[in-house]
Amino acid sequence: MLFVIACVLVVVLYWYGTRGHDYWAKRGVPYEKPIPFFGTAFRQFTQRMSPTQFAVEIYRKYPNERFVGTFFGSEKSFIVRDPELIKSILVSDFMYFHKRGLNTHDEVIEPMLKNLFFADGDLWRLLRQRMTPAFTTGKLKAMFPLIVERAVKVQELADKAAKTGATVDVRDLMARYTTDFIGACGFGINMESLDDENSVFRKLGKRIFTITPRDAFVGMLKQVFRETFKNLNF
């Protein structure tokens, strides 16, 4: 009896993990072969490859195809190679392709994804309406001195490093510069990231872009089992 239950469970799990994976084959579209549960995104889920690297790999792997089908978990996606198709998607057919595909659930959205770069549909329009007044010509002119002031600090730090022969992590330096002028222009706060590379705001900024093993695992669960883990927090 236990053997039968185990067999049924394996079959159900296999069906669940491969559902929709015949989508591109049924339509005669060239596609990258998926694996159960992960689709073609296993290396992305395990942080071994970024989405950009994967797109470049597929682009080069299928040089004679106009587009190639892929799967992000059970979600269907495709990588377009043909410039004319790209033009159609971004212009005349944009109404069908406006979703960014970054939110794992249509209703339960991570708080950090509720911004112009990640939001979809009505939420994006609402955010855009609220953000537009912040970027009028007058306000941009008012921001400029704040940006220049921090750019001068960057120059001073670079000059100091050049004189002493110190090694400079340019990526970190520019991240501190970005943190400072966004804090000044957007929030009216002096974040002091250029003065102190270990400032509180710099540490918080690093945490946003640091993906821990737990973050990767939670992201995988939310992508593969969307309804079950829709309320699971990072």
C-alpha atoms as a PDB file:
ATOM      1  CA  MET A   1       0.000   0.000   0.000  1.00  0.00           C
ATOM      2  CA  LEU A   2       2.786   2.406   0.911  1.00  0.00           C
ATOM      3  CA  PHE A   3       4.533   1.564  -2.367  1.00  0.00           C
ATOM      4  CA  VAL A   4       1.389   2.437  -4.340  1.00  0.00           C
ATOM      5  CA  ILE A   5       0.982   5.719  -2.461  1.00  0.00           C
ATOM      6  CA  ALA A   6       4.652   6.559  -3.067  1.00  0.00           C
ATOM      7  CA  CYS A   7       4.289   5.808  -6.798  1.00  0.00           C
ATOM      8  CA  VAL A   8       1.162   7.962  -7.048  1.00  0.00           C
ATOM      9  CA  LEU A   9       2.931  10.773  -5.182  1.00  0.00           C
ATOM     10  CA  VAL A  10       5.925  10.593  -7.543  1.00  0.00           C
ATOM     11  CA  VAL A  11       3.646  10.667 -10.599  1.00  0.00           C
ATOM     12  CA  VAL A  12       1.702  13.642  -9.226  1.00  0.00           C
ATOM     13  CA  LEU A  13       4.900  15.529  -8.400  1.00  0.00           C
ATOM     14  CA  TYR A  14       6.323  14.793 -11.845  1.00  0.00           C
ATOM     15  CA  TRP A  15       3.125  15.986 -13.502  1.00  0.00           C
ATOM     16  CA  TYR A  16       3.133  19.132 -11.389  1.00  0.00           C
ATOM     17  CA  GLY A  17       6.804  19.801 -12.086  1.00  0.00           C
ATOM     18  CA  THR A  18       6.470  19.367 -15.852  1.00  0.00           C
ATOM     19  CA  ARG A  19       3.056  20.940 -16.434  1.00  0.00           C
ATOM     20  CA  GLY A  20       3.095  23.250 -19.407  1.00  0.00           C
ATOM     21  CA  HIS A  21       6.550  22.143 -20.533  1.00  0.00           C
ATOM     22  CA  ASP A  22       5.129  20.899 -23.842  1.00  0.00           C
ATOM     23  CA  TYR A  23       3.760  24.360 -24.668  1.00  0.00           C
ATOM     24  CA  TRP A  24       6.377  25.330 -27.248  1.00  0.00           C
ATOM     25  CA  ALA A  25       6.657  21.813 -28.714  1.00  0.00           C
ATOM     26  CA  LYS A  26       2.912  21.753 -29.470  1.00  0.00           C
ATOM     27  CA  ARG A  27       3.295  25.002 -31.387  1.00  0.00           C
ATOM     28  CA  GLY A  28       6.328  23.955 -33.372  1.00  0.00           C
ATOM     29  CA  VAL A  29       8.529  26.582 -31.757  1.00  0.00           C
ATOM     30  CA  PRO A  30      12.231  25.849 -31.175  1.00  0.00           C
ATOM     31  CA  TYR A  31      12.853  25.754 -27.443  1.00  0.00           C
ATOM     32  CA  GLU A  32      15.442  25.024 -24.794  1.00  0.00           C
ATOM     33  CA  LYS A  33      14.753  21.679 -23.105  1.00  0.00           C
ATOM     34  CA  PRO A  34      13.332  22.222 -19.586  1.00  0.00           C
ATOM     35  CA  ILE A  35      13.807  20.149 -16.446  1.00  0.00           C
ATOM     36  CA  PRO A  36      11.020  19.408 -13.918  1.00  0.00           C
ATOM     37  CA  PHE A  37      10.050  22.283 -11.594  1.00  0.00           C
ATOM     38  CA  PHE A  38      12.844  24.595 -12.740  1.00  0.00           C
ATOM     39  CA  GLY A  39      12.196  24.782 -16.473  1.00  0.00           C
ATOM     40  CA  THR A  40      15.280  26.261 -18.126  1.00  0.00           C
ATOM     41  CA  ALA A  41      16.109  28.455 -15.126  1.00  0.00           C
ATOM     42  CA  PHE A  42      17.915  26.030 -12.801  1.00  0.00           C
ATOM     43  CA  ARG A  43      21.204  27.934 -12.991  1.00  0.00           C
ATOM     44  CA  GLN A  44      19.373  31.187 -12.319  1.00  0.00           C
ATOM     45  CA  PHE A  45      17.607  29.752  -9.278  1.00  0.00           C
ATOM     46  CA  THR A  46      20.933  28.491  -7.919  1.00  0.00           C
ATOM     47  CA  GLN A  47      22.694  31.823  -8.577  1.00  0.00           C
ATOM     48  CA  ARG A  48      25.129  30.277 -11.057  1.00  0.00           C
ATOM     49  CA  MET A  49      23.986  32.462 -13.939  1.00  0.00           C
ATOM     50  CA  SER A  50      22.208  35.791 -14.279  1.00  0.00           C
ATOM     51  CA  PRO A  51      19.137  36.238 -16.534  1.00  0.00           C
ATOM     52  CA  THR A  52      21.252  38.390 -18.855  1.00  0.00           C
ATOM     53  CA  GLN A  53      23.926  35.702 -19.203  1.00  0.00           C
ATOM     54  CA  PHE A  54      21.235  33.116 -19.918  1.00  0.00           C
ATOM     55  CA  ALA A  55      19.659  35.313 -22.604  1.00  0.00           C
ATOM     56  CA  VAL A  56      23.049  35.822 -24.276  1.00  0.00           C
ATOM     57  CA  GLU A  57      23.730  32.071 -24.168  1.00  0.00           C
ATOM     58  CA  ILE A  58      20.403  31.242 -25.841  1.00  0.00           C
ATOM     59  CA  TYR A  59      20.857  34.046 -28.368  1.00  0.00           C
ATOM     60  CA  ARG A  60      24.187  32.587 -29.493  1.00  0.00           C
ATOM     61  CA  LYS A  61      23.034  28.968 -29.302  1.00  0.00           C
ATOM     62  CA  TYR A  62      20.235  29.464 -31.855  1.00  0.00           C
ATOM     63  CA  PRO A  63      21.734  31.781 -34.505  1.00  0.00           C
ATOM     64  CA  ASN A  64      19.191  30.892 -37.201  1.00  0.00           C
ATOM     65  CA  GLU A  65      15.987  31.231 -35.161  1.00  0.00           C
ATOM     66  CA  ARG A  66      13.789  34.326 -34.908  1.00  0.00           C
ATOM     67  CA  PHE A  67      12.833  33.472 -31.335  1.00  0.00           C
ATOM     68  CA  VAL A  68      13.389  30.625 -28.879  1.00  0.00           C
ATOM     69  CA  GLY A  69      11.027  29.290 -26.210  1.00  0.00           C
ATOM     70  CA  THR A  70      12.171  28.969 -22.600  1.00  0.00           C
ATOM     71  CA  PHE A  71      10.563  28.240 -19.233  1.00  0.00           C
ATOM     72  CA  PHE A  72      11.016  30.049 -15.933  1.00  0.00           C
ATOM     73  CA  GLY A  73       9.721  27.330 -13.652  1.00  0.00           C
ATOM     74  CA  SER A  74       6.370  26.520 -15.217  1.00  0.00           C
ATOM     75  CA  GLU A  75       5.978  29.974 -16.773  1.00  0.00           C
ATOM     76  CA  LYS A  76       6.371  30.217 -20.520  1.00  0.00           C
ATOM     77  CA  SER A  77       8.772  32.792 -21.892  1.00  0.00           C
ATOM     78  CA  PHE A  78      10.769  33.327 -25.055  1.00  0.00           C
ATOM     79  CA  ILE A  79      13.865  35.151 -26.201  1.00  0.00           C
ATOM     80  CA  VAL A  80      13.465  37.191 -29.376  1.00  0.00           C
ATOM     81  CA  ARG A  81      16.354  37.483 -31.840  1.00  0.00           C
ATOM     82  CA  ASP A  82      14.626  39.103 -34.817  1.00  0.00           C
ATOM     83  CA  PRO A  83      14.813  42.960 -34.869  1.00  0.00           C
ATOM     84  CA  GLU A  84      11.466  43.259 -36.671  1.00  0.00           C
ATOM     85  CA  LEU A  85       9.732  41.114 -34.063  1.00  0.00           C
ATOM     86  CA  ILE A  86      11.330  43.170 -31.304  1.00  0.00           C
ATOM     87  CA  LYS A  87      10.036  46.336 -32.957  1.00  0.00           C
ATOM     88  CA  SER A  88       6.507  44.914 -33.157  1.00  0.00           C
ATOM     89  CA  ILE A  89       6.584  43.811 -29.509  1.00  0.00           C
ATOM     90  CA  LEU A  90       7.779  47.199 -28.278  1.00  0.00           C
ATOM     91  CA  VAL A  91       5.498  49.299 -30.511  1.00  0.00           C
ATOM     92  CA  SER A  92       2.398  47.948 -32.244  1.00  0.00           C
ATOM     93  CA  ASP A  93       1.842  44.885 -30.023  1.00  0.00           C
ATOM     94  CA  PHE A  94       3.087  46.348 -26.753  1.00  0.00           C
ATOM     95  CA  MET A  95      -0.365  46.016 -25.142  1.00  0.00           C
ATOM     96  CA  TYR A  96       0.151  42.240 -25.144  1.00  0.00           C
ATOM     97  CA  PHE A  97       3.722  42.315 -23.822  1.00  0.00           C
ATOM     98  CA  HIS A  98       3.774  45.117 -21.236  1.00  0.00           C
ATOM     99  CA  LYS A  99       4.104  42.824 -18.205  1.00  0.00           C
ATOM    100  CA  ARG A 100       7.682  42.588 -17.005  1.00  0.00           C
ATOM    101  CA  GLY A 101       7.295  39.074 -15.638  1.00  0.00           C
ATOM    102  CA  LEU A 102       9.217  39.900 -12.467  1.00  0.00           C
ATOM    103  CA  ASN A 103       6.370  39.476  -9.988  1.00  0.00           C
ATOM    104  CA  THR A 104       5.648  35.879  -9.046  1.00  0.00           C
ATOM    105  CA  HIS A 105       2.009  36.609  -8.187  1.00  0.00           C
ATOM    106  CA  ASP A 106      -0.579  38.969  -9.684  1.00  0.00           C
ATOM    107  CA  GLU A 107      -2.099  40.017  -6.355  1.00  0.00           C
ATOM    108  CA  VAL A 108       0.504  39.428  -3.635  1.00  0.00           C
ATOM    109  CA  ILE A 109       3.433  41.657  -4.610  1.00  0.00           C
ATOM    110  CA  GLU A 110       6.664  42.021  -2.649  1.00  0.00           C
ATOM    111  CA  PRO A 111       6.917  45.551  -1.143  1.00  0.00           C
ATOM    112  CA  MET A 112      10.360  46.108  -2.712  1.00  0.00           C
ATOM    113  CA  LEU A 113       8.899  45.370  -6.161  1.00  0.00           C
ATOM    114  CA  LYS A 114       6.324  48.151  -5.938  1.00  0.00           C
ATOM    115  CA  ASN A 115       8.377  50.641  -7.940  1.00  0.00           C
ATOM    116  CA  LEU A 116       8.516  51.876 -11.534  1.00  0.00           C
ATOM    117  CA  PHE A 117      11.187  49.381 -12.524  1.00  0.00           C
ATOM    118  CA  PHE A 118       9.178  46.315 -11.475  1.00  0.00           C
ATOM    119  CA  ALA A 119       5.491  47.305 -11.282  1.00  0.00           C
ATOM    120  CA  ASP A 120       2.938  46.286 -13.922  1.00  0.00           C
ATOM    121  CA  GLY A 121      -0.281  47.714 -15.300  1.00  0.00           C
ATOM    122  CA  ASP A 122      -2.393  49.987 -13.089  1.00  0.00           C
ATOM    123  CA  LEU A 123       0.174  50.062 -10.281  1.00  0.00           C
ATOM    124  CA  TRP A 124       2.820  51.292 -12.744  1.00  0.00           C
ATOM    125  CA  ARG A 125       0.499  54.031 -14.039  1.00  0.00           C
ATOM    126  CA  LEU A 126      -0.315  55.172 -10.504  1.00  0.00           C
ATOM    127  CA  LEU A 127       3.350  55.285  -9.501  1.00  0.00           C
ATOM    128  CA  ARG A 128       4.250  57.143 -12.676  1.00  0.00           C
ATOM    129  CA  GLN A 129       1.565  59.758 -12.036  1.00  0.00           C
ATOM    130  CA  ARG A 130       2.925  60.299  -8.542  1.00  0.00           C
ATOM    131  CA  MET A 131       6.564  60.409  -9.619  1.00  0.00           C
ATOM    132  CA  THR A 132       6.217  62.679 -12.669  1.00  0.00           C
ATOM    133  CA  PRO A 133       5.808  65.951 -10.679  1.00  0.00           C
ATOM    134  CA  ALA A 134       9.118  65.239  -8.934  1.00  0.00           C
ATOM    135  CA  PHE A 135      11.019  65.570 -12.211  1.00  0.00           C
ATOM    136  CA  THR A 136       9.877  68.914 -13.569  1.00  0.00           C
ATOM    137  CA  THR A 137      12.508  71.200 -15.091  1.00  0.00           C
ATOM    138  CA  GLY A 138      12.557  73.403 -12.004  1.00  0.00           C
ATOM    139  CA  LYS A 139      13.046  70.520  -9.589  1.00  0.00           C
ATOM    140  CA  LEU A 140      15.763  68.954 -11.727  1.00  0.00           C
ATOM    141  CA  LYS A 141      17.613  72.280 -11.687  1.00  0.00           C
ATOM    142  CA  ALA A 142      17.313  72.351  -7.902  1.00  0.00           C
ATOM    143  CA  MET A 143      18.768  68.833  -7.667  1.00  0.00           C
ATOM    144  CA  PHE A 144      21.766  69.607  -9.851  1.00  0.00           C
ATOM    145  CA  PRO A 145      23.855  71.466  -7.214  1.00  0.00           C
ATOM    146  CA  LEU A 146      23.353  68.559  -4.793  1.00  0.00           C
ATOM    147  CA  ILE A 147      24.632  66.124  -7.412  1.00  0.00           C
ATOM    148  CA  VAL A 148      27.610  68.346  -8.273  1.00  0.00           C
ATOM    149  CA  GLU A 149      28.502  68.776  -4.591  1.00  0.00           C
ATOM    150  CA  ARG A 150      28.806  65.017  -4.201  1.00  0.00           C
ATOM    151  CA  ALA A 151      30.625  64.650  -7.512  1.00  0.00           C
ATOM    152  CA  VAL A 152      33.280  67.031  -6.167  1.00  0.00           C
ATOM    153  CA  LYS A 153      33.686  64.739  -3.135  1.00  0.00           C
ATOM    154  CA  VAL A 154      34.194  61.777  -5.453  1.00  0.00           C
ATOM    155  CA  GLN A 155      36.872  63.707  -7.325  1.00  0.00           C
ATOM    156  CA  GLU A 156      38.618  64.586  -4.069  1.00  0.00           C
ATOM    157  CA  LEU A 157      38.621  60.938  -2.966  1.00  0.00           C
ATOM    158  CA  ALA A 158      39.991  59.847  -6.354  1.00  0.00           C
ATOM    159  CA  ASP A 159      42.723  62.510  -6.253  1.00  0.00           C
ATOM    160  CA  LYS A 160      43.690  61.474  -2.726  1.00  0.00           C
ATOM    161  CA  ALA A 161      43.944  57.826  -3.766  1.00  0.00           C
ATOM    162  CA  ALA A 162      46.055  58.768  -6.795  1.00  0.00           C
ATOM    163  CA  LYS A 163      48.504  60.735  -4.657  1.00  0.00           C
ATOM    164  CA  THR A 164      48.940  57.970  -2.092  1.00  0.00           C
ATOM    165  CA  GLY A 165      48.912  55.143  -4.632  1.00  0.00           C
ATOM    166  CA  ALA A 166      45.999  53.468  -2.869  1.00  0.00           C
ATOM    167  CA  THR A 167      43.815  50.919  -4.642  1.00  0.00           C
ATOM    168  CA  VAL A 168      40.267  52.142  -5.309  1.00  0.00           C
ATOM    169  CA  ASP A 169      37.219  49.942  -5.740  1.00  0.00           C
ATOM    170  CA  VAL A 170      35.510  52.097  -8.359  1.00  0.00           C
ATOM    171  CA  ARG A 171      32.266  50.150  -8.211  1.00  0.00           C
ATOM    172  CA  ASP A 172      32.004  50.685  -4.456  1.00  0.00           C
ATOM    173  CA  LEU A 173      32.978  54.346  -4.779  1.00  0.00           C
ATOM    174  CA  MET A 174      30.290  55.028  -7.384  1.00  0.00           C
ATOM    175  CA  ALA A 175      27.736  53.093  -5.326  1.00  0.00           C
ATOM    176  CA  ARG A 176      28.497  55.360  -2.359  1.00  0.00           C
ATOM    177  CA  TYR A 177      28.175  58.393  -4.634  1.00  0.00           C
ATOM    178  CA  THR A 178      24.824  57.154  -5.941  1.00  0.00           C
ATOM    179  CA  THR A 179      23.602  56.471  -2.405  1.00  0.00           C
ATOM    180  CA  ASP A 180      24.542  59.997  -1.333  1.00  0.00           C
ATOM    181  CA  PHE A 181      22.915  61.938  -4.137  1.00  0.00           C
ATOM    182  CA  ILE A 182      19.754  59.803  -4.167  1.00  0.00           C
ATOM    183  CA  GLY A 183      19.437  60.398  -0.422  1.00  0.00           C
ATOM    184  CA  ALA A 184      19.944  64.136  -0.868  1.00  0.00           C
ATOM    185  CA  CYS A 185      17.698  64.580  -3.925  1.00  0.00           C
ATOM    186  CA  GLY A 186      15.005  62.064  -3.112  1.00  0.00           C
ATOM    187  CA  PHE A 187      14.770  62.200   0.670  1.00  0.00           C
ATOM    188  CA  GLY A 188      16.589  65.344   1.775  1.00  0.00           C
ATOM    189  CA  ILE A 189      18.981  63.277   3.904  1.00  0.00           C
ATOM    190  CA  ASN A 190      22.760  63.509   4.083  1.00  0.00           C
ATOM    191  CA  MET A 191      23.629  59.814   4.010  1.00  0.00           C
ATOM    192  CA  GLU A 192      27.391  60.409   4.439  1.00  0.00           C
ATOM    193  CA  SER A 193      28.309  57.340   2.400  1.00  0.00           C
ATOM    194  CA  LEU A 194      31.235  59.147   0.764  1.00  0.00           C
ATOM    195  CA  ASP A 195      32.594  60.255   4.136  1.00  0.00           C
ATOM    196  CA  ASP A 196      32.122  56.862   5.767  1.00  0.00           C
ATOM    197  CA  GLU A 197      32.139  53.723   3.619  1.00  0.00           C
ATOM    198  CA  ASN A 198      30.563  51.814   6.514  1.00  0.00           C
ATOM    199  CA  SER A 199      27.691  54.238   7.072  1.00  0.00           C
ATOM    200  CA  VAL A 200      24.301  52.828   8.029  1.00  0.00           C
ATOM    201  CA  PHE A 201      22.707  53.774   4.711  1.00  0.00           C
ATOM    202  CA  ARG A 202      25.521  52.180   2.725  1.00  0.00           C
ATOM    203  CA  LYS A 203      25.087  48.941   4.669  1.00  0.00           C
ATOM    204  CA  LEU A 204      21.351  49.001   3.965  1.00  0.00           C
ATOM    205  CA  GLY A 205      22.025  49.662   0.284  1.00  0.00           C
ATOM    206  CA  LYS A 206      24.378  46.681   0.117  1.00  0.00           C
ATOM    207  CA  ARG A 207      21.788  44.444   1.767  1.00  0.00           C
ATOM    208  CA  ILE A 208      19.209  45.259  -0.905  1.00  0.00           C
ATOM    209  CA  PHE A 209      21.498  43.933  -3.627  1.00  0.00           C
ATOM    210  CA  THR A 210      22.909  41.000  -1.646  1.00  0.00           C
ATOM    211  CA  ILE A 211      21.160  37.703  -2.378  1.00  0.00           C
ATOM    212  CA  THR A 212      21.700  35.191   0.411  1.00  0.00           C
ATOM    213  CA  PRO A 213      21.175  31.425  -0.017  1.00  0.00           C
ATOM    214  CA  ARG A 214      17.916  31.828   1.898  1.00  0.00           C
ATOM    215  CA  ASP A 215      16.766  34.601  -0.477  1.00  0.00           C
ATOM    216  CA  ALA A 216      17.527  32.370  -3.460  1.00  0.00           C
ATOM    217  CA  PHE A 217      15.647  29.432  -1.919  1.00  0.00           C
ATOM    218  CA  VAL A 218      12.612  31.558  -1.034  1.00  0.00           C
ATOM    219  CA  GLY A 219      12.605  33.057  -4.527  1.00  0.00           C
ATOM    220  CA  MET A 220      12.658  29.585  -6.041  1.00  0.00           C
ATOM    221  CA  LEU A 221       9.729  28.438  -3.874  1.00  0.00           C
ATOM    222  CA  LYS A 222       7.701  31.540  -4.744  1.00  0.00           C
ATOM    223  CA  GLN A 223       8.375  31.003  -8.450  1.00  0.00           C
ATOM    224  CA  VAL A 224       7.788  27.243  -8.636  1.00  0.00           C
ATOM    225  CA  PHE A 225       4.907  27.027  -6.134  1.00  0.00           C
ATOM    226  CA  ARG A 226       3.300  30.406  -6.715  1.00  0.00           C
ATOM    227  CA  GLU A 227       0.013  29.937  -4.892  1.00  0.00           C
ATOM    228  CA  THR A 228       1.370  27.860  -2.016  1.00  0.00           C
ATOM    229  CA  PHE A 229       4.180  30.251  -1.077  1.00  0.00           C
ATOM    230  CA  LYS A 230       2.734  33.565  -2.284  1.00  0.00           C
ATOM    231  CA  ASN A 231       2.848  35.025   1.259  1.00  0.00           C
ATOM    232  CA  LEU A 232       6.344  33.764   2.095  1.00  0.00           C
ATOM    233  CA  ASN A 233       8.637  36.692   2.878  1.00  0.00           C
ATOM    234  CA  PHE A 234      12.283  37.133   1.953  1.00  0.00           C
END
